[in-house]
Each structure stands twice: as C-alpha cells, then as structure tokens.
N, C-alpha and C. Protein backbone atom coordinates (compact mmCIF):
# COMPACT_ATOMS: atom_id res chain seq x y z
N MET A 1 118.03 105.62 62.89
CA MET A 1 117.40 104.63 63.74
C MET A 1 116.47 105.27 64.75
N TYR A 2 116.94 106.31 65.45
CA TYR A 2 116.10 106.98 66.43
C TYR A 2 115.43 108.19 65.79
N HIS A 3 114.23 108.51 66.24
CA HIS A 3 113.58 109.74 65.82
C HIS A 3 114.15 110.85 66.68
N THR A 4 114.77 111.82 66.06
CA THR A 4 115.45 112.86 66.82
C THR A 4 114.70 114.19 66.76
N HIS A 5 113.38 114.15 66.77
CA HIS A 5 112.63 115.40 66.74
C HIS A 5 112.56 116.07 68.10
N HIS A 6 112.96 115.38 69.17
CA HIS A 6 113.04 115.99 70.50
C HIS A 6 114.49 116.37 70.74
N LYS A 7 114.78 117.66 70.66
CA LYS A 7 116.16 118.13 70.78
C LYS A 7 116.59 118.35 72.22
N THR A 8 115.63 118.52 73.13
CA THR A 8 115.97 118.86 74.50
C THR A 8 116.33 117.61 75.32
N SER A 9 117.14 117.80 76.34
CA SER A 9 117.47 116.68 77.22
C SER A 9 116.81 116.88 78.58
N LYS A 10 115.95 117.90 78.71
CA LYS A 10 115.24 118.14 79.96
C LYS A 10 113.87 117.50 79.88
N PHE A 11 113.58 116.62 80.81
CA PHE A 11 112.32 115.89 80.79
C PHE A 11 111.50 116.25 82.03
N HIS A 12 110.19 116.12 81.91
CA HIS A 12 109.33 116.45 83.05
C HIS A 12 109.24 115.31 84.05
N ILE A 13 109.73 114.12 83.67
CA ILE A 13 109.76 113.01 84.63
C ILE A 13 111.18 112.44 84.69
N LYS A 14 111.48 111.83 85.82
CA LYS A 14 112.78 111.21 86.04
C LYS A 14 112.57 109.82 86.62
N LYS A 15 113.63 109.04 86.64
CA LYS A 15 113.60 107.72 87.26
C LYS A 15 113.23 107.87 88.74
N GLY A 16 112.30 107.05 89.19
CA GLY A 16 111.88 107.10 90.58
C GLY A 16 110.62 107.92 90.82
N ASP A 17 110.21 108.74 89.85
CA ASP A 17 108.99 109.52 89.99
C ASP A 17 107.76 108.62 89.92
N THR A 18 106.68 109.05 90.54
CA THR A 18 105.40 108.38 90.40
C THR A 18 104.60 109.14 89.35
N VAL A 19 104.10 108.41 88.35
CA VAL A 19 103.40 109.05 87.24
C VAL A 19 102.03 108.40 87.02
N GLN A 20 101.19 109.12 86.28
CA GLN A 20 99.89 108.59 85.88
C GLN A 20 99.84 108.54 84.37
N VAL A 21 99.26 107.46 83.82
CA VAL A 21 99.14 107.30 82.37
C VAL A 21 97.91 108.07 81.92
N LEU A 22 98.06 108.89 80.87
CA LEU A 22 96.99 109.75 80.40
C LEU A 22 96.11 109.10 79.34
N SER A 23 96.68 108.20 78.52
CA SER A 23 95.88 107.62 77.44
C SER A 23 96.33 106.20 77.15
N GLY A 24 95.48 105.47 76.45
CA GLY A 24 95.79 104.10 76.07
C GLY A 24 95.08 103.10 76.95
N ASN A 25 95.49 101.84 76.85
CA ASN A 25 94.84 100.76 77.59
C ASN A 25 95.03 100.87 79.09
N TYR A 26 96.06 101.56 79.52
CA TYR A 26 96.37 101.68 80.96
C TYR A 26 96.04 103.07 81.48
N GLN A 27 95.07 103.73 80.86
CA GLN A 27 94.68 105.08 81.24
C GLN A 27 94.30 105.16 82.72
N LYS A 28 94.76 106.22 83.40
CA LYS A 28 94.51 106.50 84.82
C LYS A 28 95.24 105.56 85.78
N LYS A 29 96.08 104.65 85.28
CA LYS A 29 96.89 103.80 86.16
C LYS A 29 98.11 104.60 86.61
N GLN A 30 98.54 104.34 87.83
CA GLN A 30 99.71 105.01 88.37
C GLN A 30 100.82 104.00 88.62
N GLY A 31 102.05 104.44 88.50
CA GLY A 31 103.19 103.58 88.75
C GLY A 31 104.47 104.37 88.86
N LYS A 32 105.52 103.69 89.28
CA LYS A 32 106.84 104.29 89.47
C LYS A 32 107.65 104.14 88.18
N VAL A 33 108.39 105.18 87.81
CA VAL A 33 109.23 105.13 86.62
C VAL A 33 110.48 104.31 86.94
N LEU A 34 110.68 103.22 86.18
CA LEU A 34 111.83 102.34 86.41
C LEU A 34 113.03 102.76 85.58
N LYS A 35 112.78 103.23 84.34
CA LYS A 35 113.87 103.61 83.45
C LYS A 35 113.37 104.63 82.45
N VAL A 36 114.24 105.57 82.07
CA VAL A 36 113.90 106.58 81.08
C VAL A 36 114.84 106.42 79.89
N PHE A 37 114.25 106.37 78.68
CA PHE A 37 115.02 106.29 77.44
C PHE A 37 114.99 107.67 76.80
N THR A 38 116.11 108.41 76.91
CA THR A 38 116.14 109.80 76.47
C THR A 38 116.07 109.94 74.96
N LYS A 39 116.69 109.04 74.22
CA LYS A 39 116.74 109.18 72.76
C LYS A 39 115.38 108.95 72.11
N THR A 40 114.60 108.05 72.65
CA THR A 40 113.29 107.75 72.06
C THR A 40 112.15 108.42 72.81
N TYR A 41 112.45 109.19 73.87
CA TYR A 41 111.46 109.94 74.64
C TYR A 41 110.41 109.00 75.23
N ARG A 42 110.88 107.90 75.81
CA ARG A 42 109.99 106.90 76.39
C ARG A 42 110.46 106.54 77.79
N ALA A 43 109.57 105.89 78.55
CA ALA A 43 109.90 105.48 79.90
C ALA A 43 109.20 104.16 80.20
N ILE A 44 109.83 103.35 81.06
CA ILE A 44 109.20 102.12 81.54
C ILE A 44 108.58 102.43 82.90
N VAL A 45 107.28 102.14 83.02
CA VAL A 45 106.55 102.41 84.26
C VAL A 45 106.15 101.07 84.86
N GLU A 46 106.36 100.95 86.17
CA GLU A 46 106.07 99.71 86.90
C GLU A 46 104.58 99.39 86.84
N GLY A 47 104.26 98.18 86.36
CA GLY A 47 102.87 97.72 86.34
C GLY A 47 102.03 98.25 85.20
N VAL A 48 102.67 98.85 84.19
CA VAL A 48 101.93 99.47 83.08
C VAL A 48 102.50 98.99 81.75
N ASN A 49 101.62 98.80 80.76
CA ASN A 49 101.99 98.47 79.38
C ASN A 49 102.72 97.13 79.28
N PHE A 50 102.05 96.07 79.74
CA PHE A 50 102.64 94.73 79.68
C PHE A 50 102.58 94.17 78.27
N VAL A 51 103.66 93.48 77.87
CA VAL A 51 103.70 92.74 76.61
C VAL A 51 104.19 91.33 76.92
N SER A 52 103.85 90.37 76.03
CA SER A 52 104.31 89.00 76.19
C SER A 52 105.62 88.82 75.46
N LYS A 53 106.61 88.31 76.16
CA LYS A 53 107.94 88.11 75.61
C LYS A 53 108.19 86.60 75.55
N HIS A 54 108.45 86.08 74.36
CA HIS A 54 108.69 84.65 74.20
C HIS A 54 110.17 84.36 74.40
N ARG A 55 110.48 83.46 75.31
CA ARG A 55 111.86 83.07 75.60
C ARG A 55 112.12 81.69 75.01
N LYS A 56 113.25 81.56 74.33
CA LYS A 56 113.64 80.26 73.77
C LYS A 56 114.07 79.31 74.88
N PRO A 57 113.93 78.02 74.65
CA PRO A 57 114.46 77.06 75.63
C PRO A 57 115.98 77.18 75.76
N THR A 58 116.46 77.11 76.98
CA THR A 58 117.90 77.15 77.25
C THR A 58 118.25 76.00 78.18
N ALA A 59 119.51 75.88 78.52
CA ALA A 59 119.94 74.82 79.43
C ALA A 59 119.31 75.03 80.81
N LYS A 60 119.23 76.28 81.24
CA LYS A 60 118.63 76.58 82.53
C LYS A 60 117.12 76.38 82.51
N ASN A 61 116.50 76.75 81.39
CA ASN A 61 115.05 76.67 81.27
C ASN A 61 114.69 75.87 80.01
N PRO A 62 114.69 74.53 80.09
CA PRO A 62 114.50 73.71 78.90
C PRO A 62 113.11 73.83 78.28
N GLN A 63 112.14 74.30 79.04
CA GLN A 63 110.78 74.45 78.52
C GLN A 63 110.61 75.71 77.68
N GLY A 64 111.44 76.73 77.95
CA GLY A 64 111.17 78.03 77.36
C GLY A 64 110.08 78.70 78.18
N ALA A 65 109.66 79.87 77.80
CA ALA A 65 108.63 80.56 78.58
C ALA A 65 108.03 81.71 77.80
N ILE A 66 106.87 82.11 78.24
CA ILE A 66 106.25 83.35 77.76
C ILE A 66 106.14 84.25 78.99
N GLU A 67 106.96 85.31 79.00
CA GLU A 67 107.00 86.21 80.14
C GLU A 67 106.22 87.48 79.84
N ARG A 68 105.61 88.02 80.87
CA ARG A 68 104.95 89.33 80.75
C ARG A 68 105.89 90.38 81.32
N VAL A 69 106.31 91.32 80.48
CA VAL A 69 107.24 92.37 80.91
C VAL A 69 106.66 93.73 80.53
N GLU A 70 107.12 94.76 81.24
CA GLU A 70 106.68 96.13 80.94
C GLU A 70 107.43 96.65 79.72
N ALA A 71 106.71 97.25 78.80
CA ALA A 71 107.30 97.87 77.62
C ALA A 71 107.35 99.38 77.82
N PRO A 72 108.24 100.07 77.11
CA PRO A 72 108.31 101.52 77.25
C PRO A 72 107.03 102.19 76.76
N ILE A 73 106.70 103.31 77.38
CA ILE A 73 105.53 104.11 77.00
C ILE A 73 106.02 105.53 76.73
N HIS A 74 105.41 106.20 75.76
CA HIS A 74 105.86 107.53 75.37
C HIS A 74 105.61 108.53 76.50
N MET A 75 106.59 109.42 76.73
CA MET A 75 106.51 110.35 77.85
C MET A 75 105.36 111.34 77.73
N SER A 76 104.87 111.58 76.51
CA SER A 76 103.75 112.51 76.35
C SER A 76 102.47 111.92 76.94
N ASN A 77 102.45 110.62 77.18
CA ASN A 77 101.29 109.96 77.77
C ASN A 77 101.41 109.82 79.29
N LEU A 78 102.42 110.45 79.88
CA LEU A 78 102.64 110.35 81.32
C LEU A 78 102.55 111.72 81.97
N MET A 79 101.99 111.76 83.17
CA MET A 79 101.92 113.01 83.93
C MET A 79 102.39 112.73 85.35
N LEU A 80 103.23 113.61 85.85
CA LEU A 80 103.81 113.45 87.18
C LEU A 80 102.75 113.59 88.27
N ILE A 81 102.85 112.74 89.29
CA ILE A 81 101.99 112.84 90.46
C ILE A 81 102.68 113.76 91.46
N ASP A 82 101.99 114.82 91.88
CA ASP A 82 102.55 115.78 92.83
C ASP A 82 102.72 115.08 94.18
N PRO A 83 103.95 115.02 94.72
CA PRO A 83 104.17 114.34 96.00
C PRO A 83 103.38 114.97 97.15
N ALA A 84 103.10 116.26 97.08
CA ALA A 84 102.40 116.95 98.16
C ALA A 84 100.91 116.59 98.20
N THR A 85 100.26 116.54 97.03
CA THR A 85 98.81 116.32 96.99
C THR A 85 98.41 114.92 96.55
N GLY A 86 99.30 114.23 95.83
CA GLY A 86 98.97 112.91 95.31
C GLY A 86 98.13 112.95 94.05
N LYS A 87 98.02 114.14 93.43
CA LYS A 87 97.24 114.30 92.20
C LYS A 87 98.17 114.66 91.05
N PRO A 88 97.75 114.36 89.80
CA PRO A 88 98.59 114.69 88.64
C PRO A 88 98.77 116.20 88.50
N THR A 89 99.95 116.60 88.06
CA THR A 89 100.24 118.02 87.88
C THR A 89 101.18 118.21 86.71
N ARG A 90 101.09 119.39 86.10
CA ARG A 90 102.08 119.75 85.09
C ARG A 90 103.35 120.20 85.80
N VAL A 91 104.45 120.16 85.09
CA VAL A 91 105.75 120.45 85.70
C VAL A 91 106.38 121.65 85.01
N GLY A 92 106.92 122.56 85.81
CA GLY A 92 107.67 123.69 85.28
C GLY A 92 109.05 123.70 85.90
N ARG A 93 109.86 124.67 85.47
CA ARG A 93 111.20 124.82 86.05
C ARG A 93 111.41 126.27 86.43
N LYS A 94 111.95 126.47 87.63
CA LYS A 94 112.34 127.82 88.04
C LYS A 94 113.49 127.72 89.02
N LEU A 95 114.13 128.86 89.27
CA LEU A 95 115.28 128.90 90.16
C LEU A 95 114.82 128.79 91.61
N ASN A 96 115.53 127.94 92.37
CA ASN A 96 115.22 127.83 93.79
C ASN A 96 116.05 128.87 94.57
N GLY A 97 116.04 128.80 95.88
CA GLY A 97 116.75 129.77 96.71
C GLY A 97 118.25 129.80 96.49
N GLU A 98 118.83 128.67 96.07
CA GLU A 98 120.27 128.58 95.84
C GLU A 98 120.66 129.01 94.43
N GLY A 99 119.67 129.42 93.62
CA GLY A 99 119.96 129.82 92.24
C GLY A 99 120.08 128.65 91.29
N LYS A 100 119.58 127.49 91.68
CA LYS A 100 119.65 126.29 90.85
C LYS A 100 118.29 126.02 90.23
N LEU A 101 118.28 125.63 88.96
CA LEU A 101 117.03 125.33 88.26
C LEU A 101 116.44 124.04 88.80
N GLN A 102 115.18 124.09 89.21
CA GLN A 102 114.55 122.93 89.82
C GLN A 102 113.11 122.79 89.33
N ARG A 103 112.62 121.55 89.28
CA ARG A 103 111.25 121.30 88.86
C ARG A 103 110.28 121.76 89.94
N TYR A 104 109.11 122.25 89.51
CA TYR A 104 108.08 122.62 90.48
C TYR A 104 106.71 122.24 89.93
N SER A 105 105.77 122.05 90.84
CA SER A 105 104.41 121.68 90.49
C SER A 105 103.65 122.93 90.08
N LYS A 106 103.03 122.91 88.91
CA LYS A 106 102.27 124.07 88.46
C LYS A 106 100.95 124.18 89.21
N LYS A 107 100.50 123.09 89.82
CA LYS A 107 99.24 123.10 90.55
C LYS A 107 99.40 123.77 91.92
N THR A 108 100.44 123.38 92.65
CA THR A 108 100.63 123.91 94.00
C THR A 108 101.72 124.98 94.07
N GLY A 109 102.61 125.01 93.09
CA GLY A 109 103.72 125.97 93.10
C GLY A 109 104.90 125.52 93.93
N GLU A 110 104.82 124.32 94.55
CA GLU A 110 105.91 123.84 95.38
C GLU A 110 106.97 123.13 94.55
N PHE A 111 108.21 123.18 95.04
CA PHE A 111 109.30 122.49 94.36
C PHE A 111 109.16 120.97 94.51
N ILE A 112 109.56 120.25 93.49
CA ILE A 112 109.53 118.80 93.50
C ILE A 112 110.94 118.32 93.79
N ASN A 113 111.08 117.43 94.76
CA ASN A 113 112.39 116.91 95.14
C ASN A 113 112.99 116.14 93.97
N ASN A 114 114.19 116.50 93.55
CA ASN A 114 114.84 115.84 92.41
C ASN A 114 115.58 114.58 92.82
N GLY A 115 115.55 114.21 94.09
CA GLY A 115 116.27 113.06 94.56
C GLY A 115 115.53 111.85 94.30
C-alpha cells in the first residue's frame, strides 16, 4: 500500500516548522506544517495545496457541502525557512554542545530549535 523507498525516519521538516513550496501550483508560497506523514513522505502545509472535498448530506448538514481542504504535499517539494533570516535554507544535522544530534541551517550554520 505504501511506497517504502524512503527507509530513514529522519526528516528535514517537522510539525510546526515554517516551509516554502519549491514547485507546483503553490510555488514560492510559505506556510506552517500542520501534520507530517512519515510513511508516505508527505506533509500538510497550512494554506497550500487546496482540494475540493465533497461531503454527503447528513442530519447535521442536510444540504451537504463542497469543502476546500489542504491535501498532503511531498516533502521533496518543501524547504525549511530559517528562523534567523526568514529565507529558505537546506538542513543538516550535527552534534550540539550537549552531544545531541540537532538540525542546523546550512546557510547560516546556526542550530534550528527543535521545539
């Protein structure tokens, strides 16, 4: 069911990060990561990649509806926004002062807060 060609569980973006879309209809748009799907290597970004979702009529909503919701976008099309500069940057990993592996900005060399 899932494509398992991505064996690693370490991702360059996490929930809560601000990212920029690199390609597609929403190119150069920025948004906050709402959810990350590790098995399919995708993420839902706030305000990006809208699709129309048809809802059946229910007791609460007898009319039914067509809702616009965000769909997942592949992580290879996302780039992290460096919190220090506000510009897109590549992400690396290195040991911090406490000996813990932490993400860092390849553009500025500063550590990225994992919180």
